[in-house]
């Protein structure tokens, strides 16, 4: 999903190798809408890796502990972990594959898309995510992406308040920093 930045970063390097997400400089946020209430949350416990082959093919994987999402309300977070069955499905995982076209300009925003699969609450669903990537002169990249994730498609019971359920989609807002890794 947010990994398409890895693809662009790798393309700019012009050589095969591995790249990782810098969790200290990355965040995944979410927004859940209810007619009477808004819920915002975030996680910075993001792990990810992408590998570029000599043929330009990029294989990526990103995972976030389901229990790491924080809304700032301990009671709500506890209920969220229970609803997500975080002990049984401990990670939200994205895997994707893409191919690259080189070269890539540094400092200019690049629009791209990654096709992949999101595993959330033990259910795998295809996911196509548009993203914007900016390459740094230091070999890093920053990727930003906003996209919906369906709770119903992942068989997650939507929370309700006063007998009204939340919207089906959780809106994700992702900002990741990538660097060369091992």
C-alpha atoms as a PDB file:
ATOM      1  CA  UNK A   1       0.000   0.000   0.000  1.00  0.00           C
ATOM      2  CA  UNK A   2       2.352   2.654   1.304  1.00  0.00           C
ATOM      3  CA  UNK A   3       5.167   0.581  -0.092  1.00  0.00           C
ATOM      4  CA  UNK A   4       5.075   2.072  -3.565  1.00  0.00           C
ATOM      5  CA  UNK A   5       7.517   4.658  -2.230  1.00  0.00           C
ATOM      6  CA  UNK A   6       9.939   1.812  -1.773  1.00  0.00           C
ATOM      7  CA  UNK A   7       9.569   1.024  -5.449  1.00  0.00           C
ATOM      8  CA  UNK A   8      10.400   4.599  -6.414  1.00  0.00           C
ATOM      9  CA  UNK A   9      13.295   4.762  -3.936  1.00  0.00           C
ATOM     10  CA  UNK A  10      14.717   1.581  -5.338  1.00  0.00           C
ATOM     11  CA  UNK A  11      14.378   2.837  -8.887  1.00  0.00           C
ATOM     12  CA  UNK A  12      16.390   5.924  -8.031  1.00  0.00           C
ATOM     13  CA  UNK A  13      19.243   3.818  -6.695  1.00  0.00           C
ATOM     14  CA  UNK A  14      19.621   1.948 -10.027  1.00  0.00           C
ATOM     15  CA  UNK A  15      20.845  -1.167  -8.208  1.00  0.00           C
ATOM     16  CA  UNK A  16      19.299  -4.223  -6.641  1.00  0.00           C
ATOM     17  CA  UNK A  17      19.008  -4.252  -2.869  1.00  0.00           C
ATOM     18  CA  UNK A  18      16.840  -3.971   0.222  1.00  0.00           C
ATOM     19  CA  UNK A  19      15.173  -0.948   1.795  1.00  0.00           C
ATOM     20  CA  UNK A  20      13.437  -0.574   5.174  1.00  0.00           C
ATOM     21  CA  UNK A  21      10.909   1.718   6.824  1.00  0.00           C
ATOM     22  CA  UNK A  22      12.286   4.058   9.465  1.00  0.00           C
ATOM     23  CA  UNK A  23       9.718   3.660  12.291  1.00  0.00           C
ATOM     24  CA  UNK A  24      11.052   6.697  14.146  1.00  0.00           C
ATOM     25  CA  UNK A  25      10.009   8.906  11.219  1.00  0.00           C
ATOM     26  CA  UNK A  26       6.870   7.044  10.046  1.00  0.00           C
ATOM     27  CA  UNK A  27       3.227   6.994  11.131  1.00  0.00           C
ATOM     28  CA  UNK A  28       0.014   5.245  10.091  1.00  0.00           C
ATOM     29  CA  UNK A  29      -3.148   7.101  11.165  1.00  0.00           C
ATOM     30  CA  UNK A  30      -6.794   6.131  10.910  1.00  0.00           C
ATOM     31  CA  UNK A  31     -10.135   7.903  11.070  1.00  0.00           C
ATOM     32  CA  UNK A  32     -13.443   6.190  11.795  1.00  0.00           C
ATOM     33  CA  UNK A  33     -16.684   8.162  11.333  1.00  0.00           C
ATOM     34  CA  UNK A  34     -19.928   7.748  13.284  1.00  0.00           C
ATOM     35  CA  UNK A  35     -22.903  10.086  12.896  1.00  0.00           C
ATOM     36  CA  UNK A  36     -22.397  11.254  16.490  1.00  0.00           C
ATOM     37  CA  UNK A  37     -18.685  10.719  17.015  1.00  0.00           C
ATOM     38  CA  UNK A  38     -15.291  10.769  15.267  1.00  0.00           C
ATOM     39  CA  UNK A  39     -12.446   8.446  16.221  1.00  0.00           C
ATOM     40  CA  UNK A  40      -8.816   9.110  15.320  1.00  0.00           C
ATOM     41  CA  UNK A  41      -5.911   6.790  16.035  1.00  0.00           C
ATOM     42  CA  UNK A  42      -2.320   6.095  15.066  1.00  0.00           C
ATOM     43  CA  UNK A  43       0.582   3.693  15.198  1.00  0.00           C
ATOM     44  CA  UNK A  44       4.294   4.267  14.799  1.00  0.00           C
ATOM     45  CA  UNK A  45       5.207   0.602  15.302  1.00  0.00           C
ATOM     46  CA  UNK A  46       5.680  -0.060  11.606  1.00  0.00           C
ATOM     47  CA  UNK A  47       8.015  -2.670  10.142  1.00  0.00           C
ATOM     48  CA  UNK A  48       8.652  -3.054   6.468  1.00  0.00           C
ATOM     49  CA  UNK A  49      11.039  -4.186   3.817  1.00  0.00           C
ATOM     50  CA  UNK A  50      11.234  -4.064   0.052  1.00  0.00           C
ATOM     51  CA  UNK A  51      13.603  -5.938  -2.202  1.00  0.00           C
ATOM     52  CA  UNK A  52      14.483  -4.803  -5.709  1.00  0.00           C
ATOM     53  CA  UNK A  53      15.532  -7.452  -8.202  1.00  0.00           C
ATOM     54  CA  UNK A  54      17.902  -6.847 -11.094  1.00  0.00           C
ATOM     55  CA  UNK A  55      14.870  -7.042 -13.422  1.00  0.00           C
ATOM     56  CA  UNK A  56      13.162  -4.033 -11.747  1.00  0.00           C
ATOM     57  CA  UNK A  57      10.627  -6.159  -9.904  1.00  0.00           C
ATOM     58  CA  UNK A  58       9.963  -5.009  -6.327  1.00  0.00           C
ATOM     59  CA  UNK A  59       8.579  -7.301  -3.631  1.00  0.00           C
ATOM     60  CA  UNK A  60       7.348  -5.578  -0.490  1.00  0.00           C
ATOM     61  CA  UNK A  61       5.940  -6.384   2.930  1.00  0.00           C
ATOM     62  CA  UNK A  62       4.797  -4.098   5.725  1.00  0.00           C
ATOM     63  CA  UNK A  63       3.298  -5.077   9.055  1.00  0.00           C
ATOM     64  CA  UNK A  64       1.865  -3.218  12.027  1.00  0.00           C
ATOM     65  CA  UNK A  65       0.907  -4.815  15.346  1.00  0.00           C
ATOM     66  CA  UNK A  66      -2.910  -4.610  15.616  1.00  0.00           C
ATOM     67  CA  UNK A  67      -2.581  -3.794  19.326  1.00  0.00           C
ATOM     68  CA  UNK A  68      -0.318  -0.802  18.611  1.00  0.00           C
ATOM     69  CA  UNK A  69      -3.065   1.500  17.323  1.00  0.00           C
ATOM     70  CA  UNK A  70      -3.723   4.211  19.909  1.00  0.00           C
ATOM     71  CA  UNK A  71      -6.750   6.550  20.029  1.00  0.00           C
ATOM     72  CA  UNK A  72      -5.779   8.290  23.256  1.00  0.00           C
ATOM     73  CA  UNK A  73      -8.605   6.570  25.162  1.00  0.00           C
ATOM     74  CA  UNK A  74      -7.485   3.411  27.016  1.00  0.00           C
ATOM     75  CA  UNK A  75     -11.048   2.046  27.293  1.00  0.00           C
ATOM     76  CA  UNK A  76     -11.713   2.494  23.566  1.00  0.00           C
ATOM     77  CA  UNK A  77      -8.291   1.004  22.717  1.00  0.00           C
ATOM     78  CA  UNK A  78      -9.028  -2.049  24.854  1.00  0.00           C
ATOM     79  CA  UNK A  79     -12.384  -2.517  23.108  1.00  0.00           C
ATOM     80  CA  UNK A  80     -10.701  -2.039  19.709  1.00  0.00           C
ATOM     81  CA  UNK A  81      -8.105  -4.749  20.471  1.00  0.00           C
ATOM     82  CA  UNK A  82     -10.940  -7.031  21.566  1.00  0.00           C
ATOM     83  CA  UNK A  83     -12.980  -6.322  18.408  1.00  0.00           C
ATOM     84  CA  UNK A  84      -9.930  -6.869  16.196  1.00  0.00           C
ATOM     85  CA  UNK A  85      -9.107 -10.043  18.155  1.00  0.00           C
ATOM     86  CA  UNK A  86      -5.524  -8.761  18.306  1.00  0.00           C
ATOM     87  CA  UNK A  87      -4.314 -11.763  20.305  1.00  0.00           C
ATOM     88  CA  UNK A  88      -5.463 -14.118  17.527  1.00  0.00           C
ATOM     89  CA  UNK A  89      -4.597 -11.804  14.599  1.00  0.00           C
ATOM     90  CA  UNK A  90      -1.615  -9.849  15.956  1.00  0.00           C
ATOM     91  CA  UNK A  91      -0.579  -8.043  12.753  1.00  0.00           C
ATOM     92  CA  UNK A  92      -2.031  -6.006   9.928  1.00  0.00           C
ATOM     93  CA  UNK A  93       0.085  -7.077   6.929  1.00  0.00           C
ATOM     94  CA  UNK A  94       0.442  -5.690   3.425  1.00  0.00           C
ATOM     95  CA  UNK A  95       2.311  -7.513   0.652  1.00  0.00           C
ATOM     96  CA  UNK A  96       2.762  -6.119  -2.810  1.00  0.00           C
ATOM     97  CA  UNK A  97       4.669  -6.502  -6.028  1.00  0.00           C
ATOM     98  CA  UNK A  98       5.373  -3.879  -8.651  1.00  0.00           C
ATOM     99  CA  UNK A  99       7.798  -3.127 -11.468  1.00  0.00           C
ATOM    100  CA  UNK A 100       9.856   0.026 -11.894  1.00  0.00           C
ATOM    101  CA  UNK A 101      10.713   2.457 -14.630  1.00  0.00           C
ATOM    102  CA  UNK A 102      13.968   4.355 -14.152  1.00  0.00           C
ATOM    103  CA  UNK A 103      15.396   6.974 -13.703  1.00  0.00           C
ATOM    104  CA  UNK A 104      13.462   8.940 -11.084  1.00  0.00           C
ATOM    105  CA  UNK A 105      13.868  12.673 -10.308  1.00  0.00           C
ATOM    106  CA  UNK A 106      14.874  13.716  -6.772  1.00  0.00           C
ATOM    107  CA  UNK A 107      12.872  16.375  -4.902  1.00  0.00           C
ATOM    108  CA  UNK A 108       9.831  16.207  -7.178  1.00  0.00           C
ATOM    109  CA  UNK A 109       6.569  14.589  -6.052  1.00  0.00           C
ATOM    110  CA  UNK A 110       5.851  11.400  -7.972  1.00  0.00           C
ATOM    111  CA  UNK A 111       2.386   9.888  -8.206  1.00  0.00           C
ATOM    112  CA  UNK A 112       2.361   6.101  -8.245  1.00  0.00           C
ATOM    113  CA  UNK A 113       0.187   3.087  -7.402  1.00  0.00           C
ATOM    114  CA  UNK A 114       0.945  -0.232  -5.771  1.00  0.00           C
ATOM    115  CA  UNK A 115      -1.194  -3.328  -6.244  1.00  0.00           C
ATOM    116  CA  UNK A 116      -1.171  -5.789  -3.377  1.00  0.00           C
ATOM    117  CA  UNK A 117      -2.986  -7.655  -0.658  1.00  0.00           C
ATOM    118  CA  UNK A 118      -3.971  -6.493   2.819  1.00  0.00           C
ATOM    119  CA  UNK A 119      -4.384  -9.054   5.586  1.00  0.00           C
ATOM    120  CA  UNK A 120      -6.439  -7.553   8.396  1.00  0.00           C
ATOM    121  CA  UNK A 121      -8.295  -9.505  11.098  1.00  0.00           C
ATOM    122  CA  UNK A 122      -7.150 -12.720   9.406  1.00  0.00           C
ATOM    123  CA  UNK A 123      -8.873 -11.828   6.109  1.00  0.00           C
ATOM    124  CA  UNK A 124      -6.887 -11.152   2.940  1.00  0.00           C
ATOM    125  CA  UNK A 125      -8.268  -8.652   0.423  1.00  0.00           C
ATOM    126  CA  UNK A 126      -6.734  -7.092  -2.697  1.00  0.00           C
ATOM    127  CA  UNK A 127      -5.746  -3.453  -2.253  1.00  0.00           C
ATOM    128  CA  UNK A 128      -4.716  -0.806  -4.762  1.00  0.00           C
ATOM    129  CA  UNK A 129      -3.261   2.324  -3.193  1.00  0.00           C
ATOM    130  CA  UNK A 130      -2.413   5.611  -4.912  1.00  0.00           C
ATOM    131  CA  UNK A 131       0.583   7.257  -3.275  1.00  0.00           C
ATOM    132  CA  UNK A 132       2.785  10.315  -3.621  1.00  0.00           C
ATOM    133  CA  UNK A 133       6.538   9.912  -3.200  1.00  0.00           C
ATOM    134  CA  UNK A 134       9.340  12.439  -2.757  1.00  0.00           C
ATOM    135  CA  UNK A 135      12.959  11.259  -2.977  1.00  0.00           C
ATOM    136  CA  UNK A 136      15.603  12.869  -0.793  1.00  0.00           C
ATOM    137  CA  UNK A 137      19.174  13.601  -1.840  1.00  0.00           C
ATOM    138  CA  UNK A 138      20.362  11.314   0.992  1.00  0.00           C
ATOM    139  CA  UNK A 139      18.890   8.185  -0.646  1.00  0.00           C
ATOM    140  CA  UNK A 140      15.741   8.296   1.494  1.00  0.00           C
ATOM    141  CA  UNK A 141      12.142   8.671   0.367  1.00  0.00           C
ATOM    142  CA  UNK A 142       8.933   9.905   1.950  1.00  0.00           C
ATOM    143  CA  UNK A 143       5.648   8.394   0.834  1.00  0.00           C
ATOM    144  CA  UNK A 144       2.176   9.712   1.611  1.00  0.00           C
ATOM    145  CA  UNK A 145      -1.029   7.839   0.908  1.00  0.00           C
ATOM    146  CA  UNK A 146      -4.698   8.111   1.866  1.00  0.00           C
ATOM    147  CA  UNK A 147      -7.124   5.259   1.202  1.00  0.00           C
ATOM    148  CA  UNK A 148     -10.176   3.476   2.654  1.00  0.00           C
ATOM    149  CA  UNK A 149     -10.164   0.003   4.217  1.00  0.00           C
ATOM    150  CA  UNK A 150     -13.487  -1.817   4.496  1.00  0.00           C
ATOM    151  CA  UNK A 151     -14.293  -3.270   7.922  1.00  0.00           C
ATOM    152  CA  UNK A 152     -17.068  -5.413   6.417  1.00  0.00           C
ATOM    153  CA  UNK A 153     -14.723  -6.920   3.801  1.00  0.00           C
ATOM    154  CA  UNK A 154     -12.355  -7.934   6.595  1.00  0.00           C
ATOM    155  CA  UNK A 155     -15.196  -9.374   8.701  1.00  0.00           C
ATOM    156  CA  UNK A 156     -14.767  -6.855  11.502  1.00  0.00           C
ATOM    157  CA  UNK A 157     -17.916  -5.997  13.437  1.00  0.00           C
ATOM    158  CA  UNK A 158     -18.423  -2.263  13.108  1.00  0.00           C
ATOM    159  CA  UNK A 159     -18.650  -0.476  16.458  1.00  0.00           C
ATOM    160  CA  UNK A 160     -21.977   1.124  17.307  1.00  0.00           C
ATOM    161  CA  UNK A 161     -23.146   3.960  19.528  1.00  0.00           C
ATOM    162  CA  UNK A 162     -26.836   4.363  20.405  1.00  0.00           C
ATOM    163  CA  UNK A 163     -27.653   1.491  18.032  1.00  0.00           C
ATOM    164  CA  UNK A 164     -26.024   3.286  15.079  1.00  0.00           C
ATOM    165  CA  UNK A 165     -22.985   1.607  13.509  1.00  0.00           C
ATOM    166  CA  UNK A 166     -19.886   3.444  12.340  1.00  0.00           C
ATOM    167  CA  UNK A 167     -19.225   3.866   8.629  1.00  0.00           C
ATOM    168  CA  UNK A 168     -18.003   0.734   6.851  1.00  0.00           C
ATOM    169  CA  UNK A 169     -14.683   2.255   5.804  1.00  0.00           C
ATOM    170  CA  UNK A 170     -11.788   3.274   7.995  1.00  0.00           C
ATOM    171  CA  UNK A 171      -9.814   6.036   6.301  1.00  0.00           C
ATOM    172  CA  UNK A 172      -6.067   5.440   6.451  1.00  0.00           C
ATOM    173  CA  UNK A 173      -3.510   8.251   6.265  1.00  0.00           C
ATOM    174  CA  UNK A 174       0.042   6.992   5.875  1.00  0.00           C
ATOM    175  CA  UNK A 175       3.398   8.785   5.945  1.00  0.00           C
ATOM    176  CA  UNK A 176       6.498   6.600   5.759  1.00  0.00           C
ATOM    177  CA  UNK A 177      10.190   7.356   5.547  1.00  0.00           C
ATOM    178  CA  UNK A 178      12.327   4.746   3.784  1.00  0.00           C
ATOM    179  CA  UNK A 179      16.083   4.214   3.896  1.00  0.00           C
ATOM    180  CA  UNK A 180      18.565   1.700   2.572  1.00  0.00           C
ATOM    181  CA  UNK A 181      18.742  -1.348   4.818  1.00  0.00           C
ATOM    182  CA  UNK A 182      19.708  -5.000   4.994  1.00  0.00           C
END
